[in-house]
């Protein structure tokens, strides 16, 4: 039976190369990259065999190994994977729970992650082969680490297949994973800011000392402690590693038994009472379109995923700036204008998000200005909240309320200008977008240079309109604080003018190009 599981896994791997030529090329490139990285790590670990400072080497191996274990847990849970060896697929074969768990665990030995991990762990054996006892413990530690990582991956994948069966849950977990990555950005800043020449090694050894007594790093610490002469600690950590693997195996057996009698989750349809936003907003064309847009922003994953990602952008920008040495006095001035910029930019292709439903607007003869303005209402509301609260928080962080007018002026100009330019571009240059019901992380059905051009024009147009407010804000920051008030006035005036112009011109374009917009939606 075990042979059948291994043959099945090999056949599934071979089927990967029966896809389209370009997919096969991508898979081969990924394999080459993964194996190349594994080879580089193996060579590095072999060279460390001839380095005498075992404490530093051990600390690096323990920290790196612990991060690897975390990766085998987090990646399947957060991003989800297609489990081709799901235990539920074998429910009708009459295989006992324990035999099935063992067979599926054994099949996990076949795969690219197992190959890459095995190559790297072989390198650790060479690193710690400094005596008979050290070599034996290195082999045991590598075997325990290998089995622990693969079995954790199986457990995490099975849990993900149970909990992330619906599309909405997978989308939520994907967003959560991105937010988790962003949340680790401060850690990157701390690591980069550490003076490794003086205190970095102490930090590394302290972290390794903690991880070595946990299930994450115990298996990697066994040969390191033996090489350092701490045989008692090495044996204790070996027991921790063995106990960890045993507990994971028990959890895997229990999980397989549960999955065999548990059907897959299905998305449940929600029932709503009343007309929602359509009851609350004015019964006019613009009000109806605003109500529909608000409904989309709350229920459609394509919208709320984009909205959730907007606060992430400042973090991704501020981390490199902090690493580059930008003074902390200026960094708090970045988030609010940057979020306003991307909020305004988010509607540059909003018409295409309607897909074929745009025909309702075309055939009903709704005025273009009503369509353009109604779509802006959700972003306007969100933008007012972001600018108001964000400006106050910025002033509190800087302990300087003189900069609030500039923050409000620049942010308002960026937001309203982006909405104005987007009101025109979404009617004049709609390009294919993710279709309703599809995952927001899915690629559109067709792409081209027009998409990059429209995105660039919209963003550059926003910055161009806000340029005077940005200049006055800089003068207020570096020359005279009195310039901050002029930044507020210019930003609000230019932003409102750009918004009014965009709604008017975009409405005329929408009325004139209604059939072309519908044709583009059908073609996409």
Protein backbone atom coordinates (compact mmCIF):
# COMPACT_ATOMS: atom_id res chain seq x y z
CA UNK A 1 0.00 0.00 0.00
CA UNK A 2 2.82 2.40 0.81
CA UNK A 3 4.26 1.74 -2.64
CA UNK A 4 0.93 2.75 -4.20
CA UNK A 5 0.96 6.06 -2.34
CA UNK A 6 4.49 6.81 -3.53
CA UNK A 7 3.65 5.87 -7.13
CA UNK A 8 0.55 8.07 -6.99
CA UNK A 9 2.56 11.05 -5.75
CA UNK A 10 5.15 10.53 -8.49
CA UNK A 11 2.40 10.38 -11.11
CA UNK A 12 0.88 13.60 -9.81
CA UNK A 13 4.25 15.31 -9.99
CA UNK A 14 4.80 14.05 -13.53
CA UNK A 15 1.41 15.44 -14.59
CA UNK A 16 2.64 18.93 -13.76
CA UNK A 17 4.75 18.83 -16.92
CA UNK A 18 1.71 18.04 -19.10
CA UNK A 19 0.36 21.57 -18.87
CA UNK A 20 0.73 24.35 -21.45
CA UNK A 21 4.28 25.08 -22.69
CA UNK A 22 4.52 28.42 -20.92
CA UNK A 23 3.35 26.92 -17.63
CA UNK A 24 5.96 24.17 -17.99
CA UNK A 25 8.63 26.82 -18.64
CA UNK A 26 7.59 28.66 -15.47
CA UNK A 27 7.67 25.44 -13.46
CA UNK A 28 11.14 24.58 -14.76
CA UNK A 29 12.43 28.06 -13.92
CA UNK A 30 11.00 27.74 -10.42
CA UNK A 31 12.64 24.33 -10.00
CA UNK A 32 15.99 25.65 -11.18
CA UNK A 33 15.73 28.61 -8.80
CA UNK A 34 14.77 26.43 -5.83
CA UNK A 35 17.43 23.81 -6.46
CA UNK A 36 20.02 26.51 -7.14
CA UNK A 37 19.25 28.17 -3.82
CA UNK A 38 19.41 24.80 -2.08
CA UNK A 39 22.78 24.09 -3.71
CA UNK A 40 24.12 27.47 -2.61
CA UNK A 41 23.03 26.86 0.98
CA UNK A 42 24.52 23.35 0.89
CA UNK A 43 27.85 24.71 -0.33
CA UNK A 44 27.81 27.39 2.39
CA UNK A 45 27.10 24.84 5.09
CA UNK A 46 29.88 22.58 3.82
CA UNK A 47 32.33 25.49 3.97
CA UNK A 48 31.24 26.22 7.55
CA UNK A 49 32.61 22.78 8.47
CA UNK A 50 36.07 24.33 8.40
CA UNK A 51 35.14 27.33 10.61
CA UNK A 52 36.01 26.92 14.25
CA UNK A 53 33.55 29.35 15.88
CA UNK A 54 30.76 26.83 16.53
CA UNK A 55 28.74 29.22 18.74
CA UNK A 56 28.10 31.71 15.93
CA UNK A 57 27.48 28.96 13.37
CA UNK A 58 25.07 27.23 15.74
CA UNK A 59 23.16 30.46 16.40
CA UNK A 60 22.77 31.13 12.67
CA UNK A 61 21.63 27.57 11.94
CA UNK A 62 19.13 27.57 14.82
CA UNK A 63 17.56 30.90 13.80
CA UNK A 64 17.44 29.91 10.13
CA UNK A 65 16.02 26.50 10.93
CA UNK A 66 13.35 27.95 13.20
CA UNK A 67 12.31 30.36 10.46
CA UNK A 68 12.07 27.39 8.06
CA UNK A 69 9.77 25.52 10.44
CA UNK A 70 7.55 28.59 10.76
CA UNK A 71 7.44 28.85 6.98
CA UNK A 72 6.22 25.27 6.62
CA UNK A 73 3.38 26.11 9.03
CA UNK A 74 2.39 29.57 7.89
CA UNK A 75 2.54 29.28 4.11
CA UNK A 76 -0.21 26.61 3.71
CA UNK A 77 -2.40 28.23 6.35
CA UNK A 78 -2.20 31.77 5.04
CA UNK A 79 -1.97 31.34 1.30
CA UNK A 80 -3.51 27.89 0.91
CA UNK A 81 -2.35 25.20 -1.48
CA UNK A 82 -4.11 22.68 -3.69
CA UNK A 83 -3.85 19.46 -1.68
CA UNK A 84 -3.70 16.71 -4.30
CA UNK A 85 -3.37 14.12 -1.51
CA UNK A 86 -6.32 15.25 0.57
CA UNK A 87 -7.27 12.44 3.01
CA UNK A 88 -10.94 12.82 2.08
CA UNK A 89 -10.19 11.55 -1.42
CA UNK A 90 -9.40 8.15 0.07
CA UNK A 91 -12.50 7.91 2.26
CA UNK A 92 -14.13 5.19 0.12
CA UNK A 93 -11.11 2.88 -0.13
CA UNK A 94 -11.53 1.24 3.27
CA UNK A 95 -8.04 2.15 4.49
CA UNK A 96 -7.56 2.36 8.24
CA UNK A 97 -6.92 5.80 9.72
CA UNK A 98 -3.40 4.96 10.87
CA UNK A 99 -2.38 3.35 7.56
CA UNK A 100 -3.74 6.28 5.58
CA UNK A 101 -1.99 8.80 7.84
CA UNK A 102 1.30 6.94 7.48
CA UNK A 103 0.94 6.57 3.70
CA UNK A 104 0.13 10.24 3.15
CA UNK A 105 2.96 11.27 5.46
CA UNK A 106 5.34 9.04 3.53
CA UNK A 107 4.15 10.50 0.22
CA UNK A 108 5.17 13.96 1.52
CA UNK A 109 8.79 12.81 1.08
CA UNK A 110 8.32 13.20 -2.67
CA UNK A 111 8.20 16.79 -3.82
CA UNK A 112 10.26 19.88 -4.47
CA UNK A 113 10.01 21.26 -0.89
CA UNK A 114 11.19 17.92 0.50
CA UNK A 115 14.06 17.81 -1.99
CA UNK A 116 15.22 21.34 -1.22
CA UNK A 117 14.90 20.81 2.53
CA UNK A 118 16.75 17.50 2.32
CA UNK A 119 19.68 19.04 0.45
CA UNK A 120 20.02 21.84 3.00
CA UNK A 121 19.80 19.46 5.97
CA UNK A 122 22.50 17.27 4.42
CA UNK A 123 24.65 20.37 4.48
CA UNK A 124 24.05 20.76 8.22
CA UNK A 125 25.24 17.18 8.74
CA UNK A 126 28.50 18.07 7.01
CA UNK A 127 28.75 21.26 9.09
CA UNK A 128 28.56 19.38 12.38
CA UNK A 129 30.60 16.30 11.40
CA UNK A 130 33.39 17.24 13.81
CA UNK A 131 33.49 13.90 15.62
CA UNK A 132 31.65 10.59 15.86
CA UNK A 133 29.19 11.74 18.52
CA UNK A 134 28.54 15.06 16.83
CA UNK A 135 27.94 13.35 13.48
CA UNK A 136 25.46 10.88 14.98
CA UNK A 137 23.52 13.68 16.67
CA UNK A 138 23.68 15.76 13.47
CA UNK A 139 22.09 12.89 11.52
CA UNK A 140 19.39 12.45 14.19
CA UNK A 141 18.73 16.20 14.37
CA UNK A 142 18.50 16.53 10.59
CA UNK A 143 16.15 13.55 10.36
CA UNK A 144 13.92 14.96 13.10
CA UNK A 145 13.91 18.42 11.50
CA UNK A 146 13.12 16.92 8.09
CA UNK A 147 10.21 14.85 9.40
CA UNK A 148 8.92 17.70 11.56
CA UNK A 149 8.84 20.22 8.72
CA UNK A 150 7.13 17.89 6.24
CA UNK A 151 4.60 16.62 8.75
CA UNK A 152 3.82 20.18 9.88
CA UNK A 153 3.26 21.10 6.25
CA UNK A 154 0.83 18.18 5.88
CA UNK A 155 -1.04 19.21 9.02
CA UNK A 156 -1.18 22.87 7.96
CA UNK A 157 -2.33 21.94 4.45
CA UNK A 158 -5.07 19.68 5.82
CA UNK A 159 -6.25 22.36 8.24
CA UNK A 160 -6.27 24.89 5.39
CA UNK A 161 -8.35 22.54 3.21
CA UNK A 162 -10.89 22.27 6.03
CA UNK A 163 -11.03 25.92 7.03
CA UNK A 164 -10.28 27.62 3.71
CA UNK A 165 -12.56 25.60 1.45
CA UNK A 166 -14.71 28.59 0.42
CA UNK A 167 -13.46 31.31 -1.88
CA UNK A 168 -14.21 34.06 0.64
CA UNK A 169 -12.14 32.37 3.35
CA UNK A 170 -9.21 31.95 0.94
CA UNK A 171 -9.40 35.62 -0.01
CA UNK A 172 -9.47 36.61 3.65
CA UNK A 173 -6.49 34.40 4.45
CA UNK A 174 -4.57 35.87 1.52
CA UNK A 175 -5.16 39.40 2.77
CA UNK A 176 -4.22 38.27 6.27
CA UNK A 177 -0.98 36.86 4.92
CA UNK A 178 -0.10 40.12 3.21
CA UNK A 179 -0.88 42.05 6.37
CA UNK A 180 1.28 39.63 8.33
CA UNK A 181 4.17 40.23 5.96
CA UNK A 182 3.72 43.98 6.35
CA UNK A 183 3.56 43.61 10.12
CA UNK A 184 7.02 42.08 9.99
CA UNK A 185 8.41 45.20 8.34
CA UNK A 186 9.39 46.81 11.66
CA UNK A 187 11.37 43.67 12.43
CA UNK A 188 13.28 44.20 9.19
CA UNK A 189 13.98 47.79 10.19
CA UNK A 190 15.29 46.67 13.58
CA UNK A 191 17.49 44.00 12.03
CA UNK A 192 18.94 46.44 9.53
CA UNK A 193 19.52 49.13 12.16
CA UNK A 194 21.44 46.80 14.45
CA UNK A 195 25.17 47.36 14.54
CA UNK A 196 26.13 43.78 13.74
CA UNK A 197 29.80 44.47 14.18
CA UNK A 198 29.39 45.26 17.88
CA UNK A 199 26.06 43.96 19.21
CA UNK A 200 24.56 41.99 16.33
CA UNK A 201 26.19 38.70 17.25
CA UNK A 202 24.98 39.02 20.83
CA UNK A 203 21.43 39.56 19.60
CA UNK A 204 21.68 36.55 17.28
CA UNK A 205 23.05 34.29 20.00
CA UNK A 206 20.42 35.47 22.48
CA UNK A 207 17.61 34.73 20.02
CA UNK A 208 19.10 31.35 19.18
CA UNK A 209 19.41 30.53 22.88
CA UNK A 210 15.66 31.03 23.30
CA UNK A 211 14.63 29.20 20.11
CA UNK A 212 16.88 26.22 20.86
CA UNK A 213 14.64 25.23 23.80
CA UNK A 214 11.43 25.47 21.76
CA UNK A 215 9.95 22.97 19.30
CA UNK A 216 10.96 25.34 16.51
CA UNK A 217 14.70 25.12 16.98
CA UNK A 218 15.37 22.12 19.23
CA UNK A 219 16.25 19.72 16.41
CA UNK A 220 18.69 22.22 14.89
CA UNK A 221 20.29 22.92 18.27
CA UNK A 222 21.14 19.28 19.06
CA UNK A 223 24.34 19.00 16.96
CA UNK A 224 25.28 22.63 17.68
CA UNK A 225 25.31 22.02 21.44
CA UNK A 226 27.20 18.77 20.96
CA UNK A 227 29.86 20.54 18.90
CA UNK A 228 30.15 23.18 21.64
CA UNK A 229 30.66 20.48 24.27
CA UNK A 230 27.24 20.87 25.95
CA UNK A 231 26.26 17.21 25.70
CA UNK A 232 23.66 17.38 28.45
CA UNK A 233 21.79 20.22 26.76
CA UNK A 234 22.09 18.42 23.43
CA UNK A 235 20.40 15.30 24.80
CA UNK A 236 17.63 17.31 26.45
CA UNK A 237 16.93 19.16 23.23
CA UNK A 238 16.95 15.84 21.38
CA UNK A 239 14.16 14.69 23.69
CA UNK A 240 12.26 17.92 22.98
CA UNK A 241 12.60 17.33 19.23
CA UNK A 242 11.44 13.72 19.54
CA UNK A 243 8.47 14.72 21.70
CA UNK A 244 7.56 17.48 19.23
CA UNK A 245 7.54 15.05 16.31
CA UNK A 246 5.48 12.56 18.33
CA UNK A 247 2.86 15.17 19.20
CA UNK A 248 2.66 16.34 15.59
CA UNK A 249 2.20 12.73 14.47
CA UNK A 250 -0.65 12.22 16.94
CA UNK A 251 -2.26 15.45 15.71
CA UNK A 252 -1.87 14.27 12.09
CA UNK A 253 -3.49 10.90 12.85
CA UNK A 254 -6.38 12.60 14.61
CA UNK A 255 -6.78 15.10 11.79
CA UNK A 256 -6.89 12.36 9.13
CA UNK A 257 -9.53 10.48 11.12
CA UNK A 258 -11.60 13.66 11.44
CA UNK A 259 -11.32 14.58 7.76
CA UNK A 260 -12.48 11.14 6.63
CA UNK A 261 -15.87 11.74 8.26
CA UNK A 262 -16.10 15.52 7.69
CA UNK A 263 -17.51 16.87 4.43
CA UNK A 264 -15.93 19.88 2.78
CA UNK A 265 -17.21 23.30 3.75
CA UNK A 266 -19.45 25.15 1.34
CA UNK A 267 -20.09 28.84 1.13
CA UNK A 268 -23.38 29.79 2.74
CA UNK A 269 -25.66 32.27 1.06
CA UNK A 270 -26.57 35.26 3.21
CA UNK A 271 -30.07 36.64 3.32
CA UNK A 272 -30.61 40.37 3.69
CA UNK A 273 -33.71 42.23 4.81
CA UNK A 274 -34.71 45.46 3.20
CA UNK A 275 -32.92 47.37 0.46
CA UNK A 276 -29.87 48.36 2.50
CA UNK A 277 -28.20 51.48 1.21
CA UNK A 278 -30.97 51.99 -1.35
CA UNK A 279 -33.34 52.78 1.56
CA UNK A 280 -30.91 55.22 3.18
CA UNK A 281 -29.76 57.34 0.21
CA UNK A 282 -31.82 59.72 -1.95
CA UNK A 283 -34.03 58.09 -4.60
CA UNK A 284 -32.26 59.79 -7.48
CA UNK A 285 -30.02 58.37 -10.23
CA UNK A 286 -26.89 59.53 -8.42
CA UNK A 287 -28.24 58.25 -5.09
CA UNK A 288 -29.08 54.83 -6.53
CA UNK A 289 -25.64 54.50 -8.09
CA UNK A 290 -24.02 55.61 -4.84
CA UNK A 291 -26.05 52.99 -2.95
CA UNK A 292 -24.96 50.30 -5.39
CA UNK A 293 -21.32 51.40 -5.10
CA UNK A 294 -21.47 51.34 -1.31
CA UNK A 295 -22.94 47.84 -1.47
CA UNK A 296 -20.08 46.74 -3.71
CA UNK A 297 -17.45 48.24 -1.41
CA UNK A 298 -18.85 46.30 1.55
CA UNK A 299 -19.65 42.96 -0.13
CA UNK A 300 -17.46 42.59 -3.22
CA UNK A 301 -14.01 41.18 -2.39
CA UNK A 302 -12.45 43.05 -5.32
CA UNK A 303 -13.26 46.32 -3.58
CA UNK A 304 -12.68 45.60 0.10
CA UNK A 305 -9.41 43.81 -0.56
CA UNK A 306 -8.16 46.92 -2.37
CA UNK A 307 -9.39 49.09 0.48
CA UNK A 308 -7.63 46.95 3.09
CA UNK A 309 -4.38 47.13 1.14
CA UNK A 310 -4.33 50.94 1.02
CA UNK A 311 -3.03 51.33 4.62
CA UNK A 312 -0.36 48.77 3.77
CA UNK A 313 1.22 50.95 1.08
CA UNK A 314 2.63 53.60 3.48
CA UNK A 315 4.31 50.87 5.50
CA UNK A 316 5.96 49.46 2.37
CA UNK A 317 7.18 52.95 1.51
CA UNK A 318 8.27 54.05 4.98
CA UNK A 319 10.34 50.96 5.76
CA UNK A 320 12.87 51.54 2.93
CA UNK A 321 12.95 55.26 3.75
CA UNK A 322 13.67 54.49 7.40
CA UNK A 323 16.40 52.08 6.37
CA UNK A 324 17.85 54.74 4.05
CA UNK A 325 18.14 57.13 6.99
CA UNK A 326 15.26 59.57 6.41
CA UNK A 327 14.78 61.54 9.66
CA UNK A 328 11.94 60.36 11.89
CA UNK A 329 10.61 63.94 11.92
CA UNK A 330 9.48 63.65 8.28
CA UNK A 331 8.25 60.05 8.12
CA UNK A 332 4.88 60.68 9.90
CA UNK A 333 4.02 63.19 7.15
CA UNK A 334 3.92 60.45 4.50
CA UNK A 335 1.06 58.02 5.37
CA UNK A 336 -2.01 60.28 5.08
CA UNK A 337 -1.16 61.88 1.69
CA UNK A 338 -0.07 58.49 0.34
CA UNK A 339 -3.33 56.82 1.41
CA UNK A 340 -5.29 59.73 -0.10
CA UNK A 341 -3.37 59.30 -3.35
CA UNK A 342 -4.20 55.60 -3.63
CA UNK A 343 -7.80 56.11 -2.53
CA UNK A 344 -8.33 58.58 -5.36
CA UNK A 345 -6.46 56.35 -7.78
CA UNK A 346 -8.55 53.28 -6.88
CA UNK A 347 -11.48 54.33 -9.11
CA UNK A 348 -9.48 54.89 -12.31
CA UNK A 349 -11.02 51.70 -13.82
CA UNK A 350 -14.22 51.41 -11.80
CA UNK A 351 -16.45 51.13 -14.89
CA UNK A 352 -14.74 47.90 -15.94
CA UNK A 353 -15.50 46.36 -12.52
CA UNK A 354 -19.21 46.36 -13.49
CA UNK A 355 -18.42 43.96 -16.34
CA UNK A 356 -21.55 43.35 -18.46
CA UNK A 357 -23.77 44.93 -15.79
CA UNK A 358 -22.75 48.32 -17.18
CA UNK A 359 -25.45 47.79 -19.82
CA UNK A 360 -28.06 48.82 -17.23
CA UNK A 361 -26.56 52.30 -17.06
CA UNK A 362 -26.26 52.56 -20.83
CA UNK A 363 -29.77 51.43 -21.80
CA UNK A 364 -31.51 53.31 -18.98
CA UNK A 365 -30.19 56.61 -20.27
CA UNK A 366 -28.81 57.69 -16.91
CA UNK A 367 -26.94 60.97 -17.08
CA UNK A 368 -23.19 60.58 -17.22
CA UNK A 369 -22.59 63.06 -14.39
CA UNK A 370 -24.89 61.03 -12.12
CA UNK A 371 -22.97 57.85 -12.94
CA UNK A 372 -19.61 59.50 -12.39
CA UNK A 373 -20.56 61.16 -9.09
CA UNK A 374 -22.43 58.18 -7.65
CA UNK A 375 -19.36 55.99 -7.96
CA UNK A 376 -17.26 58.52 -6.04
CA UNK A 377 -19.41 58.62 -2.90
CA UNK A 378 -17.86 55.61 -1.05
CA UNK A 379 -14.32 56.82 -1.66
CA UNK A 380 -15.22 60.39 -0.74
CA UNK A 381 -16.64 59.23 2.59
CA UNK A 382 -13.61 57.03 3.28
CA UNK A 383 -11.25 59.80 2.19
CA UNK A 384 -12.79 62.37 4.54
CA UNK A 385 -12.40 59.96 7.44
CA UNK A 386 -8.81 59.09 6.51
CA UNK A 387 -7.76 62.71 6.05
CA UNK A 388 -9.53 63.96 9.18
CA UNK A 389 -8.38 61.25 11.57
CA UNK A 390 -5.00 60.84 9.90
CA UNK A 391 -4.15 64.52 10.12
CA UNK A 392 -4.98 64.61 13.82
CA UNK A 393 -2.87 61.49 14.47
CA UNK A 394 0.01 62.98 12.47
CA UNK A 395 -0.08 66.14 14.57
CA UNK A 396 -0.14 64.12 17.79
CA UNK A 397 2.83 62.00 16.68
CA UNK A 398 4.86 65.06 15.66
CA UNK A 399 3.55 67.15 18.56
CA UNK A 400 3.24 70.03 16.09
CA UNK A 401 -0.24 71.18 14.98
CA UNK A 402 1.18 73.78 12.60
CA UNK A 403 1.60 71.10 9.92
CA UNK A 404 -2.06 70.02 9.97
CA UNK A 405 -3.16 72.51 7.25
CA UNK A 406 -0.50 71.22 4.86
CA UNK A 407 -1.36 67.58 5.53
CA UNK A 408 -5.05 68.30 4.91
CA UNK A 409 -4.36 70.43 1.83
CA UNK A 410 -1.99 68.00 0.13
CA UNK A 411 -4.14 64.97 0.98
CA UNK A 412 -7.34 66.65 -0.22
CA UNK A 413 -5.75 67.65 -3.50
CA UNK A 414 -4.42 64.14 -4.11
CA UNK A 415 -7.75 62.51 -3.24
CA UNK A 416 -10.06 64.79 -5.22
CA UNK A 417 -7.70 65.08 -8.20
CA UNK A 418 -7.42 61.29 -8.37
CA UNK A 419 -11.20 60.97 -8.33
CA UNK A 420 -11.56 63.64 -11.00
CA UNK A 421 -9.00 62.14 -13.34
CA UNK A 422 -10.34 58.65 -12.62
CA UNK A 423 -13.87 59.75 -13.50
CA UNK A 424 -12.61 60.54 -16.99
CA UNK A 425 -10.19 57.62 -17.45
CA UNK A 426 -12.67 54.94 -16.32
CA UNK A 427 -15.11 56.10 -19.02
CA UNK A 428 -12.59 56.82 -21.77
CA UNK A 429 -10.04 54.05 -21.26
CA UNK A 430 -11.65 51.05 -19.49
CA UNK A 431 -9.32 48.06 -19.58
CA UNK A 432 -10.10 44.46 -18.55
CA UNK A 433 -10.46 43.96 -14.80
CA UNK A 434 -11.17 41.01 -12.53
CA UNK A 435 -14.70 39.80 -13.22
CA UNK A 436 -17.40 39.80 -10.53
CA UNK A 437 -17.23 36.64 -8.45
CA UNK A 438 -13.57 35.94 -9.27
CA UNK A 439 -10.80 36.13 -6.73
CA UNK A 440 -9.32 39.63 -6.36
CA UNK A 441 -5.87 38.03 -6.60
CA UNK A 442 -6.68 36.51 -9.99
CA UNK A 443 -5.16 38.03 -13.10
CA UNK A 444 -7.54 39.69 -15.61
CA UNK A 445 -8.43 37.80 -18.74
CA UNK A 446 -6.51 40.22 -20.96
CA UNK A 447 -3.92 42.88 -20.35
CA UNK A 448 -1.97 45.34 -22.41
CA UNK A 449 -0.01 48.56 -22.39
CA UNK A 450 -3.24 50.53 -22.02
CA UNK A 451 -3.64 49.39 -18.42
CA UNK A 452 -0.17 50.60 -17.38
CA UNK A 453 -0.69 53.84 -19.32
CA UNK A 454 -4.04 54.61 -17.67
CA UNK A 455 -2.72 53.84 -14.21
CA UNK A 456 0.32 56.04 -14.73
CA UNK A 457 -1.67 58.95 -16.17
CA UNK A 458 -4.16 58.86 -13.30
CA UNK A 459 -1.50 58.87 -10.63
CA UNK A 460 0.69 61.47 -12.34
CA UNK A 461 -2.38 63.65 -12.94
CA UNK A 462 -3.20 63.59 -9.24
CA UNK A 463 0.34 64.55 -8.30
CA UNK A 464 0.38 67.33 -10.93
CA UNK A 465 -2.80 68.92 -9.55
CA UNK A 466 -1.50 68.67 -5.99
CA UNK A 467 1.95 70.03 -6.90
CA UNK A 468 1.29 73.61 -5.70
CA UNK A 469 0.00 72.36 -2.34
CA UNK A 470 3.05 70.10 -2.04
CA UNK A 471 5.40 73.00 -2.79
CA UNK A 472 3.71 75.28 -0.24
CA UNK A 473 3.84 72.48 2.34
CA UNK A 474 7.58 72.10 1.74
CA UNK A 475 8.05 75.86 2.14
CA UNK A 476 6.09 75.73 5.39
CA UNK A 477 8.24 72.87 6.62
CA UNK A 478 11.65 74.30 5.72
CA UNK A 479 11.14 78.10 5.38
CA UNK A 480 8.18 79.62 7.21
CA UNK A 481 5.19 77.91 8.90
CA UNK A 482 2.87 80.56 7.42
CA UNK A 483 3.06 78.71 4.09
CA UNK A 484 1.04 75.82 5.60
CA UNK A 485 -2.21 77.81 5.39
CA UNK A 486 -1.62 78.54 1.70
CA UNK A 487 -1.02 74.82 1.15
CA UNK A 488 -4.44 74.11 2.66
CA UNK A 489 -6.23 76.70 0.53
CA UNK A 490 -4.54 75.74 -2.73
CA UNK A 491 -5.03 72.03 -2.10
CA UNK A 492 -8.75 72.32 -1.39
CA UNK A 493 -9.43 74.72 -4.27
CA UNK A 494 -7.47 72.75 -6.86
CA UNK A 495 -8.86 69.43 -5.61
CA UNK A 496 -12.48 70.59 -5.79
CA UNK A 497 -11.89 72.11 -9.23
CA UNK A 498 -10.34 68.86 -10.50
CA UNK A 499 -13.24 66.84 -9.08
CA UNK A 500 -15.92 69.05 -10.66
CA UNK A 501 -14.07 69.06 -13.97
CA UNK A 502 -13.64 65.28 -13.89
CA UNK A 503 -17.30 64.58 -13.10
CA UNK A 504 -18.46 66.95 -15.85
CA UNK A 505 -16.04 65.75 -18.53
CA UNK A 506 -16.29 62.11 -17.48
CA UNK A 507 -20.08 62.34 -17.66
CA UNK A 508 -19.95 63.69 -21.20
CA UNK A 509 -17.51 60.96 -22.22
CA UNK A 510 -19.76 58.32 -20.63
CA UNK A 511 -22.83 59.56 -22.50
CA UNK A 512 -20.96 59.73 -25.79
CA UNK A 513 -19.14 56.40 -25.50
CA UNK A 514 -21.86 54.27 -23.88
CA UNK A 515 -21.97 51.64 -26.67
CA UNK A 516 -18.16 51.41 -26.80
CA UNK A 517 -18.01 50.95 -23.00
CA UNK A 518 -20.57 48.14 -23.22
CA UNK A 519 -18.64 46.54 -26.09
CA UNK A 520 -15.42 46.66 -24.07
CA UNK A 521 -17.19 45.02 -21.11
CA UNK A 522 -18.53 42.20 -23.28
CA UNK A 523 -15.16 41.67 -24.98
CA UNK A 524 -13.29 41.46 -21.65
